[in-house]
Amino acid sequence: MKTKGAQERKRTFLLITIPVIALFFCFNTLPLIRGFIYSFTNFKVWFV
């Protein structure tokens, strides 16, 4: 049986880590994957 304090710490941990993981994925991992995929194409970027 979990105590109220343990449940509160778990909730706080999730509230802090989920946005951090989402931002890391959006601004680090996703551009890395897109750049890797684009490196195998002859895609020309329209704003360059």
N, C-alpha and C. Protein backbone atom coordinates (compact mmCIF):
# COMPACT_ATOMS: atom_id res chain seq x y z
N MET A 1 0.84 -1.18 0.00
CA MET A 1 0.00 0.00 0.00
C MET A 1 0.89 1.24 0.00
N LYS A 2 0.65 2.12 -0.97
CA LYS A 2 1.45 3.33 -1.08
C LYS A 2 0.89 4.42 -0.18
N THR A 3 1.79 5.20 0.33
CA THR A 3 1.36 6.33 1.15
C THR A 3 1.01 7.51 0.26
N LYS A 4 0.35 8.48 0.81
CA LYS A 4 -0.05 9.66 0.06
C LYS A 4 1.17 10.44 -0.42
N GLY A 5 2.21 10.47 0.39
CA GLY A 5 3.43 11.18 0.02
C GLY A 5 4.12 10.56 -1.18
N ALA A 6 4.14 9.24 -1.25
CA ALA A 6 4.78 8.55 -2.38
C ALA A 6 4.00 8.80 -3.66
N GLN A 7 2.68 8.81 -3.58
CA GLN A 7 1.86 9.07 -4.76
C GLN A 7 2.06 10.52 -5.24
N GLU A 8 2.17 11.43 -4.30
CA GLU A 8 2.37 12.84 -4.65
C GLU A 8 3.73 13.05 -5.31
N ARG A 9 4.76 12.37 -4.81
CA ARG A 9 6.09 12.48 -5.43
C ARG A 9 6.09 11.91 -6.84
N LYS A 10 5.40 10.79 -7.04
CA LYS A 10 5.32 10.19 -8.37
C LYS A 10 4.60 11.11 -9.33
N ARG A 11 3.52 11.73 -8.89
CA ARG A 11 2.75 12.67 -9.72
C ARG A 11 3.61 13.88 -10.08
N THR A 12 4.32 14.42 -9.11
CA THR A 12 5.19 15.57 -9.35
C THR A 12 6.30 15.20 -10.32
N PHE A 13 6.89 14.03 -10.16
CA PHE A 13 7.94 13.57 -11.06
C PHE A 13 7.42 13.48 -12.49
N LEU A 14 6.24 12.94 -12.69
CA LEU A 14 5.68 12.83 -14.03
C LEU A 14 5.35 14.20 -14.61
N LEU A 15 4.83 15.11 -13.80
CA LEU A 15 4.49 16.45 -14.28
C LEU A 15 5.73 17.23 -14.71
N ILE A 16 6.87 16.91 -14.14
CA ILE A 16 8.11 17.59 -14.51
C ILE A 16 8.77 16.91 -15.71
N THR A 17 8.81 15.60 -15.73
CA THR A 17 9.57 14.90 -16.77
C THR A 17 8.86 14.79 -18.11
N ILE A 18 7.55 14.69 -18.14
CA ILE A 18 6.85 14.54 -19.42
C ILE A 18 7.06 15.76 -20.32
N PRO A 19 6.91 17.00 -19.85
CA PRO A 19 7.20 18.14 -20.74
C PRO A 19 8.66 18.20 -21.18
N VAL A 20 9.58 17.83 -20.32
CA VAL A 20 11.00 17.85 -20.67
C VAL A 20 11.27 16.85 -21.79
N ILE A 21 10.72 15.66 -21.68
CA ILE A 21 10.91 14.64 -22.71
C ILE A 21 10.27 15.07 -24.02
N ALA A 22 9.08 15.67 -23.95
CA ALA A 22 8.41 16.14 -25.16
C ALA A 22 9.22 17.24 -25.85
N LEU A 23 9.74 18.20 -25.11
CA LEU A 23 10.54 19.27 -25.69
C LEU A 23 11.85 18.73 -26.26
N PHE A 24 12.46 17.80 -25.58
CA PHE A 24 13.69 17.19 -26.08
C PHE A 24 13.43 16.49 -27.40
N PHE A 25 12.34 15.77 -27.49
CA PHE A 25 12.00 15.07 -28.73
C PHE A 25 11.74 16.06 -29.85
N CYS A 26 10.98 17.11 -29.58
CA CYS A 26 10.61 18.08 -30.62
C CYS A 26 11.80 18.88 -31.14
N PHE A 27 12.72 19.28 -30.28
CA PHE A 27 13.79 20.17 -30.68
C PHE A 27 15.14 19.49 -30.85
N ASN A 28 15.25 18.21 -30.55
CA ASN A 28 16.52 17.52 -30.71
C ASN A 28 16.38 16.28 -31.58
N THR A 29 15.55 15.36 -31.18
CA THR A 29 15.44 14.08 -31.85
C THR A 29 14.74 14.19 -33.20
N LEU A 30 13.64 14.90 -33.27
CA LEU A 30 12.89 15.03 -34.52
C LEU A 30 13.72 15.70 -35.62
N PRO A 31 14.39 16.83 -35.38
CA PRO A 31 15.25 17.39 -36.43
C PRO A 31 16.40 16.46 -36.84
N LEU A 32 16.92 15.71 -35.89
CA LEU A 32 17.99 14.76 -36.20
C LEU A 32 17.49 13.69 -37.16
N ILE A 33 16.32 13.15 -36.89
CA ILE A 33 15.74 12.12 -37.76
C ILE A 33 15.42 12.71 -39.13
N ARG A 34 14.83 13.91 -39.16
CA ARG A 34 14.49 14.54 -40.44
C ARG A 34 15.74 14.83 -41.26
N GLY A 35 16.79 15.31 -40.62
CA GLY A 35 18.05 15.57 -41.32
C GLY A 35 18.65 14.29 -41.88
N PHE A 36 18.56 13.23 -41.14
CA PHE A 36 19.07 11.94 -41.61
C PHE A 36 18.29 11.47 -42.83
N ILE A 37 16.98 11.62 -42.80
CA ILE A 37 16.15 11.21 -43.94
C ILE A 37 16.42 12.10 -45.15
N TYR A 38 16.52 13.41 -44.94
CA TYR A 38 16.79 14.33 -46.04
C TYR A 38 18.16 14.11 -46.66
N SER A 39 19.10 13.57 -45.91
CA SER A 39 20.44 13.37 -46.45
C SER A 39 20.46 12.31 -47.55
N PHE A 40 19.44 11.49 -47.64
CA PHE A 40 19.36 10.47 -48.67
C PHE A 40 18.49 10.89 -49.85
N THR A 41 18.09 12.14 -49.90
CA THR A 41 17.26 12.63 -51.00
C THR A 41 17.95 13.81 -51.67
N ASN A 42 17.38 14.27 -52.77
CA ASN A 42 17.88 15.48 -53.41
C ASN A 42 16.89 16.62 -53.18
N PHE A 43 16.25 16.61 -52.03
CA PHE A 43 15.27 17.60 -51.65
C PHE A 43 15.92 18.97 -51.52
N LYS A 44 15.34 19.98 -52.15
CA LYS A 44 15.86 21.33 -52.03
C LYS A 44 14.95 22.13 -51.10
N VAL A 45 15.54 22.74 -50.11
CA VAL A 45 14.79 23.51 -49.13
C VAL A 45 14.36 24.82 -49.78
N TRP A 46 13.10 25.21 -49.64
CA TRP A 46 12.56 26.36 -50.35
C TRP A 46 13.04 27.70 -49.80
N PHE A 47 13.50 27.78 -48.56
CA PHE A 47 13.87 29.07 -47.99
C PHE A 47 15.37 29.35 -48.05
N VAL A 48 16.13 28.52 -48.72
CA VAL A 48 17.59 28.74 -48.83
C VAL A 48 17.92 29.25 -50.21
